[in-house]
Amino acid sequence: MALPRIAPGGERPRDMLAVVADEVTREVVRQAALQLGWPQNRVREGGLAAAVAHLQSHPAPAVLLVDISDCDDVLAGMDALAEVCEPHTRVVAVGAANDVGLYRRLMALGVSDYLVKPVSADALAEALRDAETRERPAGPKPATCRTVALIGARGGVGATAVATSIAWAAAQERKQPTVLLDLDLQFGAACLNLDLEPGRGLRELLANPERIDSLLIGSAVAHAGEQLRVLAAEEPLETELNLRGDGLEELLGALAEGGSEAIVVDTPRRLDPLSRAALARADVAVIVTDLSLPGMRDAQRLLGLMGHVRSGETLVVANRSGGVAGEVPQAEFERGLGRKLDAILPHDAKAATSAAEQGKPLLATAGQGPLAAELRRLSARILGGETTVEPAGRESWLKKILGK
């Protein structure tokens, strides 16, 4: 049961009640109440069960601060609390668990905020003030983050290069906070393509979704500018990963709630549970192929898989057109594929060489040529909006370590 929310135009008494288990936090509540000019004698000892018991025989306040750290079943306790709250009551929770999954579930129930103990008086006062004055939507916040999963029909068709360029277009040209997520934890090349050292912790995030939080994510990312973060790894080859898809689901949700507006997933072709979860979860899936006969066969097979694992849009992109010996003519390729290609990216040997030497995405080295134009058209279709070209230069990490 969702907690009640203030009806538009409804009255909201300026009173509060805090039910907190430990004396340290109760004193912090008194300090916060003093800052807000609220009565300090409305602070009681207890937790979620004590708050429910009190409200069964007393009027509900405008703002309720409740300690959930002693509750074994928080969601059941929140259901019981909802039964005794009034439509004007806003709830702020404090607890001991730094758990983004718990935070999301509490927000979905209608809790105004969740703070992890120990909490400062300033942070608590801000949360209580927001709870009293700010309306929240009558349900979970609508998702504004767009997730794109790219997969190569065959090895060597340039799926990582295309994924890197799309992420760079979103971050650098569209100014969207973007995450490039490389799910090939042993052979991934996303960081290498951007001249970065991979962070440490991606495997931990995917293997232990219950531990995902902003601090752990922050320690695992590599930064490629103000708006682009890269999550990648170089796990030892002797390690068996065996990662499930639920960790990816939690990670994508945490990245979206953390402010990311675009997540570009470079999906490996081994099609393990992690890869299948990425393809199923993405708003748009992109199959990258060359115009070879094996590429046509495997792109067709991947299209068949997409029909089973996802219901959203799937694009097929031919990469390096004109650069592969023995290419199948476009018309013949499309007949074999059973559909039109959604984009054809021309081969640009000069841009590819510059990208490899400088540690930059293709889109950054292709200038205003045909490849750049097609990459921007593809990005616009996937992400929406227009791009504005703004070259960005930085010293190469790869050149620094090689002394070049």
Protein backbone atom coordinates (compact mmCIF):
# COMPACT_ATOMS: atom_id res chain seq x y z
CA MET A 1 0.00 0.00 0.00
CA ALA A 2 1.39 3.38 -0.95
CA LEU A 3 1.67 6.01 1.75
CA PRO A 4 -0.96 8.76 1.46
CA ARG A 5 -0.05 12.00 -0.28
CA ILE A 6 -1.31 15.52 0.14
CA ALA A 7 -4.28 16.27 -2.05
CA PRO A 8 -3.96 19.43 -4.17
CA GLY A 9 -5.28 22.35 -2.15
CA GLY A 10 -5.48 20.24 1.02
CA GLU A 11 -4.49 21.69 4.37
CA ARG A 12 -1.30 20.57 6.03
CA PRO A 13 -0.79 21.23 9.76
CA ARG A 14 2.68 22.49 10.69
CA ASP A 15 3.53 19.78 13.21
CA MET A 16 5.92 16.88 13.30
CA LEU A 17 6.60 13.65 15.14
CA ALA A 18 9.88 11.76 15.31
CA VAL A 19 10.09 8.16 16.50
CA VAL A 20 13.79 7.23 16.68
CA ALA A 21 15.51 4.28 18.33
CA ASP A 22 18.84 5.73 19.50
CA GLU A 23 19.58 8.76 21.66
CA VAL A 24 22.30 10.12 19.35
CA THR A 25 19.87 10.46 16.44
CA ARG A 26 17.13 11.79 18.74
CA GLU A 27 19.46 14.62 19.76
CA VAL A 28 20.18 15.33 16.09
CA VAL A 29 16.43 15.51 15.49
CA ARG A 30 16.05 18.05 18.29
CA GLN A 31 18.80 20.18 16.72
CA ALA A 32 17.12 19.97 13.31
CA ALA A 33 13.76 20.90 14.83
CA LEU A 34 15.41 23.92 16.47
CA GLN A 35 16.72 25.04 13.07
CA LEU A 36 13.24 24.75 11.58
CA GLY A 37 11.47 26.42 14.49
CA TRP A 38 9.50 23.24 15.20
CA PRO A 39 8.65 21.92 18.70
CA GLN A 40 11.43 19.79 20.19
CA ASN A 41 9.19 17.83 22.53
CA ARG A 42 7.77 15.71 19.69
CA VAL A 43 10.68 13.26 19.68
CA ARG A 44 9.91 9.78 20.97
CA GLU A 45 11.91 6.62 21.52
CA GLY A 46 11.18 3.65 19.29
CA GLY A 47 11.05 2.50 15.72
CA LEU A 48 8.54 1.68 13.01
CA ALA A 49 6.34 -0.51 15.22
CA ALA A 50 6.27 2.16 17.94
CA ALA A 51 5.27 4.80 15.37
CA VAL A 52 2.37 2.63 14.18
CA ALA A 53 1.23 1.97 17.76
CA HIS A 54 1.34 5.68 18.63
CA LEU A 55 -0.62 6.77 15.55
CA GLN A 56 -3.35 4.23 16.22
CA SER A 57 -4.49 6.43 19.11
CA HIS A 58 -3.16 9.88 18.20
CA PRO A 59 -3.65 12.26 15.26
CA ALA A 60 -1.14 11.89 12.46
CA PRO A 61 1.35 14.77 12.08
CA ALA A 62 2.18 16.75 8.94
CA VAL A 63 5.72 15.32 8.93
CA LEU A 64 6.65 11.97 10.44
CA LEU A 65 10.28 10.95 10.95
CA VAL A 66 10.51 7.22 11.59
CA ASP A 67 13.47 4.98 12.37
CA ILE A 68 13.33 1.72 10.39
CA SER A 69 16.67 0.30 11.53
CA ASP A 70 15.08 -2.14 14.00
CA CYS A 71 12.49 -3.49 11.56
CA ASP A 72 12.99 -6.96 10.06
CA ASP A 73 10.35 -6.49 7.34
CA VAL A 74 10.44 -2.84 6.32
CA LEU A 75 7.89 -3.09 3.52
CA ALA A 76 5.33 -4.83 5.74
CA GLY A 77 5.97 -2.23 8.42
CA MET A 78 5.42 0.57 5.91
CA ASP A 79 2.12 -1.01 4.88
CA ALA A 80 1.03 -0.94 8.54
CA LEU A 81 2.19 2.68 8.83
CA ALA A 82 0.17 3.66 5.75
CA GLU A 83 -2.98 2.39 7.47
CA VAL A 84 -2.62 4.92 10.31
CA CYS A 85 -1.30 7.93 8.38
CA GLU A 86 -3.51 10.73 7.09
CA PRO A 87 -3.53 12.15 3.54
CA HIS A 88 -1.51 15.15 4.71
CA THR A 89 1.26 13.10 6.35
CA ARG A 90 4.71 13.11 4.79
CA VAL A 91 7.17 10.43 5.92
CA VAL A 92 10.97 10.69 6.20
CA ALA A 93 12.77 7.47 7.14
CA VAL A 94 16.16 6.96 8.78
CA GLY A 95 17.97 3.65 9.00
CA ALA A 96 21.30 1.87 9.22
CA ALA A 97 21.32 0.17 5.79
CA ASN A 98 23.10 1.98 2.95
CA ASP A 99 21.11 0.08 0.31
CA VAL A 100 20.03 1.68 -2.97
CA GLY A 101 17.50 -1.12 -3.53
CA LEU A 102 15.81 -0.31 -0.23
CA TYR A 103 15.90 3.40 -1.09
CA ARG A 104 14.12 2.80 -4.39
CA ARG A 105 11.45 0.65 -2.77
CA LEU A 106 10.79 3.28 -0.11
CA MET A 107 10.53 6.04 -2.74
CA ALA A 108 8.06 3.90 -4.71
CA LEU A 109 5.91 3.60 -1.58
CA GLY A 110 5.77 7.39 -1.25
CA VAL A 111 8.41 8.04 1.40
CA SER A 112 9.74 11.58 1.00
CA ASP A 113 13.36 10.72 1.80
CA TYR A 114 15.55 8.04 3.34
CA LEU A 115 18.68 9.01 5.29
CA VAL A 116 21.40 6.65 6.50
CA LYS A 117 22.59 6.99 10.10
CA PRO A 118 24.64 8.71 11.37
CA VAL A 119 22.94 11.79 9.93
CA SER A 120 23.81 15.44 10.49
CA ALA A 121 21.35 18.01 11.81
CA ASP A 122 21.70 20.08 8.62
CA ALA A 123 20.93 17.13 6.33
CA LEU A 124 18.00 16.09 8.48
CA ALA A 125 16.61 19.63 8.61
CA GLU A 126 16.79 19.86 4.81
CA ALA A 127 15.00 16.53 4.39
CA LEU A 128 12.25 17.53 6.84
CA ARG A 129 11.82 20.94 5.19
CA ASP A 130 11.54 19.32 1.76
CA ALA A 131 9.01 16.83 3.09
CA GLU A 132 6.82 19.63 4.39
CA THR A 133 6.98 21.89 1.35
CA ARG A 134 7.58 19.78 -1.76
CA GLU A 135 4.94 17.81 -3.60
CA ARG A 136 6.03 14.47 -4.99
CA PRO A 137 4.38 12.53 -7.84
CA ALA A 138 1.81 9.87 -6.92
CA GLY A 139 4.16 7.03 -7.80
CA PRO A 140 7.73 6.27 -8.86
CA LYS A 141 9.49 8.96 -10.85
CA PRO A 142 9.20 8.38 -14.58
CA ALA A 143 12.37 7.08 -16.11
CA THR A 144 14.24 9.65 -18.16
CA CYS A 145 17.33 7.56 -18.87
CA ARG A 146 17.65 5.87 -22.26
CA THR A 147 19.51 2.57 -22.41
CA VAL A 148 21.09 1.31 -25.65
CA ALA A 149 22.67 -2.13 -26.04
CA LEU A 150 25.00 -2.79 -28.99
CA ILE A 151 26.18 -6.23 -30.05
CA GLY A 152 28.37 -7.32 -32.94
CA ALA A 153 27.04 -9.94 -35.34
CA ARG A 154 30.63 -11.21 -35.55
CA GLY A 155 33.93 -10.40 -33.94
CA GLY A 156 35.84 -7.54 -35.50
CA VAL A 157 32.88 -5.68 -37.02
CA GLY A 158 33.50 -2.61 -34.84
CA ALA A 159 30.60 -2.78 -32.38
CA THR A 160 32.76 -1.31 -29.59
CA ALA A 161 33.85 1.57 -31.83
CA VAL A 162 30.23 2.37 -32.68
CA ALA A 163 29.17 2.10 -29.01
CA THR A 164 31.99 4.42 -27.97
CA SER A 165 31.01 7.00 -30.60
CA ILE A 166 27.34 6.95 -29.57
CA ALA A 167 28.27 7.40 -25.90
CA TRP A 168 30.65 10.23 -26.83
CA ALA A 169 27.95 11.91 -28.94
CA ALA A 170 25.51 11.78 -26.02
CA ALA A 171 28.04 13.14 -23.53
CA GLN A 172 30.16 15.54 -25.53
CA GLU A 173 27.77 16.86 -28.17
CA ARG A 174 24.40 16.55 -26.43
CA LYS A 175 25.73 17.35 -22.95
CA GLN A 176 23.88 14.40 -21.40
CA PRO A 177 25.33 12.62 -18.35
CA THR A 178 26.25 9.30 -19.96
CA VAL A 179 27.63 5.93 -18.91
CA LEU A 180 29.43 3.60 -21.29
CA LEU A 181 29.14 0.11 -19.82
CA ASP A 182 31.43 -2.61 -21.20
CA LEU A 183 30.07 -6.00 -20.21
CA ASP A 184 33.02 -7.96 -21.59
CA LEU A 185 34.82 -8.07 -18.25
CA GLN A 186 37.84 -9.99 -19.59
CA PHE A 187 38.37 -8.84 -23.18
CA GLY A 188 36.49 -5.53 -23.33
CA ALA A 189 38.08 -2.66 -25.26
CA ALA A 190 35.91 0.35 -24.37
CA CYS A 191 38.47 1.85 -21.97
CA LEU A 192 41.32 1.06 -24.34
CA ASN A 193 39.49 2.86 -27.16
CA LEU A 194 39.19 5.94 -24.92
CA ASP A 195 42.77 5.75 -23.62
CA LEU A 196 41.64 5.05 -20.04
CA GLU A 197 42.55 2.70 -17.25
CA PRO A 198 39.46 0.72 -16.22
CA GLY A 199 38.20 1.26 -12.71
CA ARG A 200 37.92 -1.49 -10.13
CA GLY A 201 34.63 -2.83 -8.91
CA LEU A 202 32.39 -3.61 -11.89
CA ARG A 203 32.43 -7.33 -11.18
CA GLU A 204 31.57 -6.63 -7.53
CA LEU A 205 28.62 -4.47 -8.60
CA LEU A 206 27.24 -7.13 -10.93
CA ALA A 207 27.85 -10.05 -8.57
CA ASN A 208 26.41 -8.39 -5.44
CA PRO A 209 23.44 -6.20 -6.43
CA GLU A 210 22.42 -5.78 -2.81
CA ARG A 211 25.65 -3.82 -2.22
CA ILE A 212 25.16 -1.35 -5.07
CA ASP A 213 25.33 2.26 -3.94
CA SER A 214 26.68 5.54 -5.25
CA LEU A 215 30.01 5.17 -3.44
CA LEU A 216 30.72 1.74 -4.91
CA ILE A 217 29.71 2.92 -8.38
CA GLY A 218 31.90 6.00 -8.02
CA SER A 219 34.94 3.88 -7.17
CA ALA A 220 34.37 1.64 -10.20
CA VAL A 221 34.02 4.26 -12.95
CA ALA A 222 36.68 5.85 -15.13
CA HIS A 223 36.04 9.42 -16.27
CA ALA A 224 36.31 10.46 -19.91
CA GLY A 225 35.35 14.09 -19.48
CA GLU A 226 32.71 15.89 -17.43
CA GLN A 227 29.70 14.01 -18.80
CA LEU A 228 31.05 10.57 -19.78
CA ARG A 229 31.78 7.82 -17.29
CA VAL A 230 33.01 4.37 -18.28
CA LEU A 231 32.35 1.16 -16.37
CA ALA A 232 34.69 -1.59 -17.52
CA ALA A 233 37.04 -4.24 -16.16
CA GLU A 234 40.04 -6.44 -16.97
CA GLU A 235 39.31 -9.54 -14.94
CA PRO A 236 41.95 -12.32 -14.86
CA LEU A 237 41.44 -14.89 -17.62
CA GLU A 238 41.62 -17.77 -15.14
CA THR A 239 38.57 -16.38 -13.30
CA GLU A 240 35.16 -17.89 -14.03
CA LEU A 241 32.66 -15.05 -13.89
CA ASN A 242 29.19 -16.70 -14.05
CA LEU A 243 27.32 -13.44 -13.47
CA ARG A 244 23.52 -13.27 -13.38
CA GLY A 245 21.24 -10.72 -14.97
CA ASP A 246 19.70 -9.37 -11.75
CA GLY A 247 22.91 -7.52 -10.88
CA LEU A 248 22.75 -5.70 -14.20
CA GLU A 249 19.13 -4.71 -13.59
CA GLU A 250 20.01 -3.18 -10.23
CA LEU A 251 23.06 -1.41 -11.67
CA LEU A 252 21.12 0.12 -14.56
CA GLY A 253 18.46 1.33 -12.14
CA ALA A 254 21.05 2.87 -9.83
CA LEU A 255 22.79 4.62 -12.74
CA ALA A 256 19.48 6.06 -13.94
CA GLU A 257 18.56 7.26 -10.45
CA GLY A 258 22.03 8.73 -10.10
CA GLY A 259 21.32 11.19 -12.92
CA SER A 260 22.48 9.37 -16.05
CA GLU A 261 20.43 10.32 -19.10
CA ALA A 262 22.00 7.77 -21.45
CA ILE A 263 23.54 4.35 -20.81
CA VAL A 264 25.33 2.70 -23.74
CA VAL A 265 26.02 -1.00 -23.17
CA ASP A 266 28.72 -2.75 -25.19
CA THR A 267 27.35 -6.29 -25.13
CA PRO A 268 29.64 -9.31 -25.71
CA ARG A 269 28.62 -11.97 -28.21
CA ARG A 270 28.90 -14.94 -25.86
CA LEU A 271 25.22 -14.39 -24.94
CA ASP A 272 25.52 -15.42 -21.30
CA PRO A 273 22.78 -14.41 -18.82
CA LEU A 274 24.39 -10.98 -18.45
CA SER A 275 24.36 -10.27 -22.20
CA ARG A 276 20.81 -11.55 -22.62
CA ALA A 277 19.65 -9.35 -19.74
CA ALA A 278 21.28 -6.31 -21.39
CA LEU A 279 19.53 -6.99 -24.71
CA ALA A 280 16.19 -7.59 -23.01
CA ARG A 281 16.43 -4.51 -20.78
CA ALA A 282 17.59 -1.94 -23.36
CA ASP A 283 15.22 0.63 -24.82
CA VAL A 284 16.99 0.15 -28.17
CA ALA A 285 19.12 -2.81 -29.26
CA VAL A 286 21.61 -2.36 -32.11
CA ILE A 287 23.13 -5.22 -34.11
CA VAL A 288 26.39 -4.12 -35.74
CA THR A 289 27.57 -6.13 -38.73
CA ASP A 290 29.77 -5.87 -41.78
CA LEU A 291 28.46 -6.61 -45.28
CA SER A 292 30.00 -10.08 -45.41
CA LEU A 293 28.12 -13.31 -45.95
CA PRO A 294 28.88 -14.56 -42.40
CA GLY A 295 27.80 -11.16 -41.09
CA MET A 296 24.47 -11.48 -42.92
CA ARG A 297 23.89 -14.96 -41.50
CA ASP A 298 24.70 -14.04 -37.90
CA ALA A 299 22.82 -10.73 -37.99
CA GLN A 300 19.78 -12.71 -39.12
CA ARG A 301 20.26 -15.17 -36.26
CA LEU A 302 20.56 -12.34 -33.75
CA LEU A 303 17.37 -10.77 -35.08
CA GLY A 304 15.62 -14.07 -34.38
CA LEU A 305 16.95 -14.03 -30.82
CA MET A 306 15.81 -10.44 -30.31
CA GLY A 307 12.27 -11.47 -31.19
CA HIS A 308 12.34 -13.89 -28.25
CA VAL A 309 14.08 -11.83 -25.56
CA ARG A 310 12.81 -8.27 -26.14
CA SER A 311 9.80 -6.33 -27.39
CA GLY A 312 11.43 -2.94 -28.07
CA GLU A 313 13.09 -1.50 -31.15
CA THR A 314 16.01 -3.37 -32.75
CA LEU A 315 18.24 -1.73 -35.37
CA VAL A 316 20.71 -3.33 -37.76
CA VAL A 317 23.75 -1.23 -38.68
CA ALA A 318 26.29 -2.10 -41.36
CA ASN A 319 29.73 -0.85 -40.34
CA ARG A 320 32.91 -0.30 -42.39
CA SER A 321 31.03 -0.35 -45.68
CA GLY A 322 33.51 -0.38 -48.54
CA GLY A 323 36.34 -1.59 -46.35
CA VAL A 324 35.79 -5.37 -46.35
CA ALA A 325 36.98 -7.60 -49.18
CA GLY A 326 34.22 -9.61 -50.84
CA GLU A 327 31.33 -7.49 -49.54
CA VAL A 328 27.82 -8.63 -50.33
CA PRO A 329 25.94 -5.91 -52.30
CA GLN A 330 23.54 -3.97 -50.08
CA ALA A 331 20.39 -5.08 -51.90
CA GLU A 332 21.43 -8.74 -51.70
CA PHE A 333 22.42 -8.37 -48.05
CA GLU A 334 19.02 -6.88 -47.18
CA ARG A 335 17.19 -9.66 -49.05
CA GLY A 336 19.10 -12.27 -47.07
CA LEU A 337 18.53 -10.36 -43.85
CA GLY A 338 14.81 -10.05 -44.52
CA ARG A 339 14.71 -6.31 -43.78
CA LYS A 340 16.31 -2.98 -44.62
CA LEU A 341 19.48 -1.84 -42.91
CA ASP A 342 18.85 1.03 -40.51
CA ALA A 343 22.22 2.68 -41.11
CA ILE A 344 25.32 2.16 -43.24
CA LEU A 345 28.57 3.54 -41.83
CA PRO A 346 31.27 4.02 -44.48
CA HIS A 347 34.81 2.83 -43.90
CA ASP A 348 37.20 5.67 -43.02
CA ALA A 349 40.73 4.32 -42.63
CA LYS A 350 42.20 7.71 -41.75
CA ALA A 351 39.68 8.34 -38.95
CA ALA A 352 40.16 4.81 -37.61
CA THR A 353 43.95 5.23 -37.51
CA SER A 354 43.68 8.60 -35.79
CA ALA A 355 41.21 7.19 -33.25
CA ALA A 356 43.58 4.34 -32.38
CA GLU A 357 46.63 6.61 -32.10
CA GLN A 358 44.91 9.33 -30.05
CA GLY A 359 42.67 7.18 -27.86
CA LYS A 360 39.53 8.92 -29.08
CA PRO A 361 36.20 7.72 -30.49
CA LEU A 362 35.70 7.59 -34.26
CA LEU A 363 33.23 10.44 -34.10
CA ALA A 364 35.89 12.70 -32.62
CA THR A 365 38.42 11.98 -35.39
CA ALA A 366 36.14 11.70 -38.42
CA GLY A 367 35.77 15.47 -38.75
CA GLN A 368 32.86 16.47 -40.97
CA GLY A 369 33.21 13.55 -43.36
CA PRO A 370 30.60 10.94 -44.39
CA LEU A 371 31.37 8.64 -41.43
CA ALA A 372 30.79 11.43 -38.91
CA ALA A 373 27.55 12.43 -40.62
CA GLU A 374 26.22 8.86 -40.52
CA LEU A 375 27.29 8.35 -36.91
CA ARG A 376 25.45 11.51 -35.90
CA ARG A 377 22.34 10.43 -37.79
CA LEU A 378 22.47 7.06 -36.03
CA SER A 379 22.96 8.73 -32.64
CA ALA A 380 20.02 11.06 -33.31
CA ARG A 381 17.78 8.11 -34.11
CA ILE A 382 18.85 6.22 -31.00
CA LEU A 383 19.03 9.10 -28.52
CA GLY A 384 16.86 11.81 -30.07
CA GLY A 385 17.70 15.51 -30.47
CA GLU A 386 20.45 17.26 -32.35
CA THR A 387 24.21 17.35 -31.86
CA THR A 388 26.53 20.31 -31.70
CA VAL A 389 30.12 19.67 -32.60
CA GLU A 390 32.56 20.68 -29.89
CA PRO A 391 36.01 19.10 -30.20
CA ALA A 392 37.66 18.21 -26.90
CA GLY A 393 41.34 17.50 -26.47
CA ARG A 394 43.26 16.06 -23.53
CA GLU A 395 46.64 14.54 -22.89
CA SER A 396 46.77 10.86 -23.73
CA TRP A 397 47.11 8.49 -20.77
CA LEU A 398 48.46 5.84 -23.16
CA LYS A 399 51.12 8.24 -24.47
CA LYS A 400 52.07 9.17 -20.92
CA ILE A 401 52.77 5.59 -19.86
CA LEU A 402 54.59 4.80 -23.11
CA GLY A 403 56.57 8.04 -23.00
CA LYS A 404 55.42 9.08 -26.46
